[in-house]
Amino acid sequence: MRKQRQHADSRPAQTTVPHEQMTKGCGTAKHLWVAKKMVSCRHDWHQTACQVVITVYAKNTIPDLSYIEANRTGLAVHIQFDQEKVFHQEFYLWGVINVEKSFVTMVPSKVEVTLIKNDLVSWGKLEDPKMKAERGTEAADENAVNEETKPEWEDSDDDISLSDSDEEFAQ
């Protein structure tokens, strides 16, 4: 989870961070950290011939603490709600965008990220399925049960075939 240093005017409890968890370049092991609660937000997207618009439905955002980072094929959306709640999602885009011409609009009820397409082609999906699959595989590898250790009875219903008695009824 991403932690952010809080301003001096707030007074959260001071915690000690083990040496191996210290930030690179840090000289001491005492820090003033505040854990952020990750929240989910509904988001949607649509496209025109020359742009893709991603809308994140988020009320009461704090624009000064929120940010959008983009490169030609990736997008990171980080929206801060209050001192404790944050929405963060990374997108691996289907196509290539022009970062310099793309822009963000934050209004009280939503955040719209307008991405200008580099090539005027229709995107099949918002995210590249290859990159999304790799990202999903990495997450699944951390939490997944090894397929070889699964009992045989855990097979899917999709591979059920007709038995001999079912074949008689089918005729």
Protein backbone atom coordinates (compact mmCIF):
# COMPACT_ATOMS: atom_id res chain seq x y z
CA MET A 1 0.00 0.00 0.00
CA ARG A 2 1.29 3.45 -0.81
CA LYS A 3 1.97 5.64 2.19
CA GLN A 4 2.20 9.39 2.08
CA ARG A 5 3.92 11.72 4.48
CA GLN A 6 1.42 13.94 6.26
CA HIS A 7 1.79 17.68 6.78
CA ALA A 8 3.24 18.95 10.05
CA ASP A 9 0.00 20.64 11.13
CA SER A 10 -1.71 17.26 11.58
CA ARG A 11 -0.80 15.11 14.56
CA PRO A 12 -0.94 11.39 13.81
CA ALA A 13 0.95 8.96 16.00
CA GLN A 14 4.65 8.55 15.26
CA THR A 15 5.67 5.05 14.27
CA THR A 16 8.99 3.27 13.96
CA VAL A 17 9.73 1.66 10.61
CA PRO A 18 12.12 -1.33 10.47
CA HIS A 19 15.41 -0.58 8.72
CA GLU A 20 14.63 -2.85 5.75
CA GLN A 21 11.38 -0.94 5.07
CA MET A 22 12.96 2.51 5.09
CA THR A 23 12.80 4.69 2.03
CA LYS A 24 15.93 4.71 -0.10
CA GLY A 25 18.21 7.52 1.02
CA CYS A 26 16.59 7.75 4.45
CA GLY A 27 18.96 8.40 7.32
CA THR A 28 16.84 7.50 10.35
CA ALA A 29 14.21 4.92 11.17
CA LYS A 30 11.57 7.27 12.64
CA HIS A 31 8.92 8.64 10.31
CA LEU A 32 5.54 10.26 10.44
CA TRP A 33 3.40 8.07 8.14
CA VAL A 34 -0.35 7.86 7.63
CA ALA A 35 -1.82 4.72 6.07
CA LYS A 36 -4.26 5.33 3.21
CA LYS A 37 -7.46 3.36 2.80
CA MET A 38 -7.82 2.22 -0.81
CA VAL A 39 -11.35 2.65 -2.14
CA SER A 40 -12.93 1.66 -5.42
CA CYS A 41 -14.70 4.00 -7.81
CA ARG A 42 -16.96 3.24 -10.73
CA HIS A 43 -15.36 4.20 -14.01
CA ASP A 44 -16.36 4.04 -17.64
CA TRP A 45 -14.92 5.01 -21.01
CA HIS A 46 -16.00 5.98 -24.49
CA GLN A 47 -14.22 7.02 -27.66
CA THR A 48 -14.58 9.21 -30.68
CA ALA A 49 -12.47 9.11 -33.82
CA CYS A 50 -9.63 11.11 -32.25
CA GLN A 51 -9.95 10.68 -28.47
CA VAL A 52 -10.72 8.31 -25.62
CA VAL A 53 -12.46 9.66 -22.52
CA ILE A 54 -12.17 7.83 -19.20
CA THR A 55 -14.66 8.97 -16.56
CA VAL A 56 -14.08 8.12 -12.90
CA TYR A 57 -17.19 8.83 -10.83
CA ALA A 58 -15.76 10.30 -7.63
CA LYS A 59 -17.39 12.90 -5.40
CA ASN A 60 -15.57 15.32 -3.11
CA THR A 61 -12.09 14.85 -4.50
CA ILE A 62 -9.11 16.90 -3.38
CA PRO A 63 -7.52 18.14 -6.61
CA ASP A 64 -4.34 19.37 -4.92
CA LEU A 65 -3.57 15.85 -3.62
CA SER A 66 -4.77 13.96 -6.72
CA TYR A 67 -2.73 13.27 -9.84
CA ILE A 68 -2.88 11.60 -13.23
CA GLU A 69 0.32 10.21 -14.76
CA ALA A 70 0.50 9.08 -18.37
CA ASN A 71 2.93 7.87 -20.96
CA ARG A 72 2.22 6.77 -24.54
CA THR A 73 0.70 3.41 -23.51
CA GLY A 74 -0.07 3.69 -19.80
CA LEU A 75 -2.12 5.74 -17.39
CA ALA A 76 -2.11 5.96 -13.58
CA VAL A 77 -5.09 7.63 -11.88
CA HIS A 78 -4.64 8.62 -8.23
CA ILE A 79 -7.59 10.44 -6.63
CA GLN A 80 -7.47 11.63 -3.02
CA PHE A 81 -10.78 12.06 -1.18
CA ASP A 82 -9.80 13.03 2.32
CA GLN A 83 -6.76 12.48 4.45
CA GLU A 84 -7.43 8.73 4.62
CA LYS A 85 -9.20 7.59 1.41
CA VAL A 86 -7.62 7.19 -2.01
CA PHE A 87 -8.50 5.61 -5.35
CA HIS A 88 -5.58 4.39 -7.43
CA GLN A 89 -5.73 2.42 -10.68
CA GLU A 90 -3.30 1.80 -13.49
CA PHE A 91 -4.43 1.27 -17.07
CA TYR A 92 -2.35 -0.38 -19.81
CA LEU A 93 -3.93 1.24 -22.84
CA TRP A 94 -5.09 -0.53 -26.01
CA GLY A 95 -3.55 2.09 -28.27
CA VAL A 96 -0.96 4.85 -28.26
CA ILE A 97 -1.85 8.34 -27.01
CA ASN A 98 -0.40 11.81 -27.47
CA VAL A 99 0.43 12.76 -23.88
CA GLU A 100 1.12 16.44 -24.64
CA LYS A 101 -2.37 17.02 -26.07
CA SER A 102 -4.28 14.91 -23.52
CA PHE A 103 -5.93 16.63 -20.54
CA VAL A 104 -7.87 16.12 -17.29
CA THR A 105 -11.08 17.76 -16.08
CA MET A 106 -12.01 17.53 -12.39
CA VAL A 107 -15.53 18.53 -11.38
CA PRO A 108 -17.28 17.88 -8.04
CA SER A 109 -18.92 14.64 -9.18
CA LYS A 110 -16.32 13.08 -11.50
CA VAL A 111 -12.85 13.12 -13.00
CA GLU A 112 -12.60 12.97 -16.79
CA VAL A 113 -9.34 12.03 -18.47
CA THR A 114 -9.37 12.89 -22.17
CA LEU A 115 -6.69 10.99 -24.06
CA ILE A 116 -5.88 12.12 -27.59
CA LYS A 117 -5.23 9.13 -29.85
CA ASN A 118 -1.91 9.06 -31.68
CA ASP A 119 -3.45 7.03 -34.52
CA LEU A 120 -7.03 7.54 -35.64
CA VAL A 121 -8.06 3.91 -35.18
CA SER A 122 -10.90 2.49 -33.13
CA TRP A 123 -9.87 0.80 -29.89
CA GLY A 124 -11.49 -2.58 -29.27
CA LYS A 125 -11.14 -2.15 -25.51
CA LEU A 126 -9.74 0.42 -23.12
CA GLU A 127 -6.88 -1.81 -21.99
CA ASP A 128 -4.51 -4.00 -23.96
CA PRO A 129 -5.65 -7.57 -23.19
CA LYS A 130 -2.05 -8.86 -23.28
CA MET A 131 -0.88 -6.39 -20.66
CA LYS A 132 -4.04 -6.85 -18.59
CA ALA A 133 -3.54 -10.62 -18.66
CA GLU A 134 0.08 -10.25 -17.53
CA ARG A 135 -0.98 -7.93 -14.71
CA GLY A 136 -3.74 -10.37 -13.72
CA THR A 137 -1.34 -13.30 -13.87
CA GLU A 138 1.11 -11.58 -11.56
CA ALA A 139 -1.63 -10.90 -9.02
CA ALA A 140 -3.01 -14.40 -9.39
CA ASP A 141 0.44 -15.93 -8.92
CA GLU A 142 0.69 -14.30 -5.51
CA ASN A 143 -2.63 -15.66 -4.25
CA ALA A 144 -3.44 -18.62 -6.47
CA VAL A 145 -3.47 -22.27 -5.56
CA ASN A 146 -1.18 -24.39 -7.69
CA GLU A 147 -3.26 -26.18 -10.36
CA GLU A 148 -1.47 -29.46 -9.68
CA THR A 149 -2.59 -29.46 -6.04
CA LYS A 150 -6.28 -28.99 -6.85
CA PRO A 151 -8.40 -32.08 -6.27
CA GLU A 152 -9.95 -33.66 -9.37
CA TRP A 153 -13.45 -32.95 -8.11
CA GLU A 154 -12.80 -29.22 -8.49
CA ASP A 155 -13.18 -29.42 -12.28
CA SER A 156 -15.43 -26.93 -13.96
CA ASP A 157 -18.95 -27.82 -15.08
CA ASP A 158 -17.94 -26.68 -18.57
CA ASP A 159 -16.15 -29.94 -19.27
CA ILE A 160 -19.07 -32.25 -18.40
CA SER A 161 -19.75 -34.64 -21.24
CA LEU A 162 -22.75 -36.81 -22.06
CA SER A 163 -22.85 -40.14 -20.26
CA ASP A 164 -23.97 -43.34 -21.95
CA SER A 165 -27.50 -42.98 -20.61
CA ASP A 166 -27.69 -39.36 -21.81
CA GLU A 167 -26.68 -40.45 -25.30
CA GLU A 168 -29.68 -42.81 -25.40
CA PHE A 169 -32.06 -39.91 -24.67
CA ALA A 170 -30.37 -37.68 -27.22
CA GLN A 171 -31.16 -40.13 -30.06
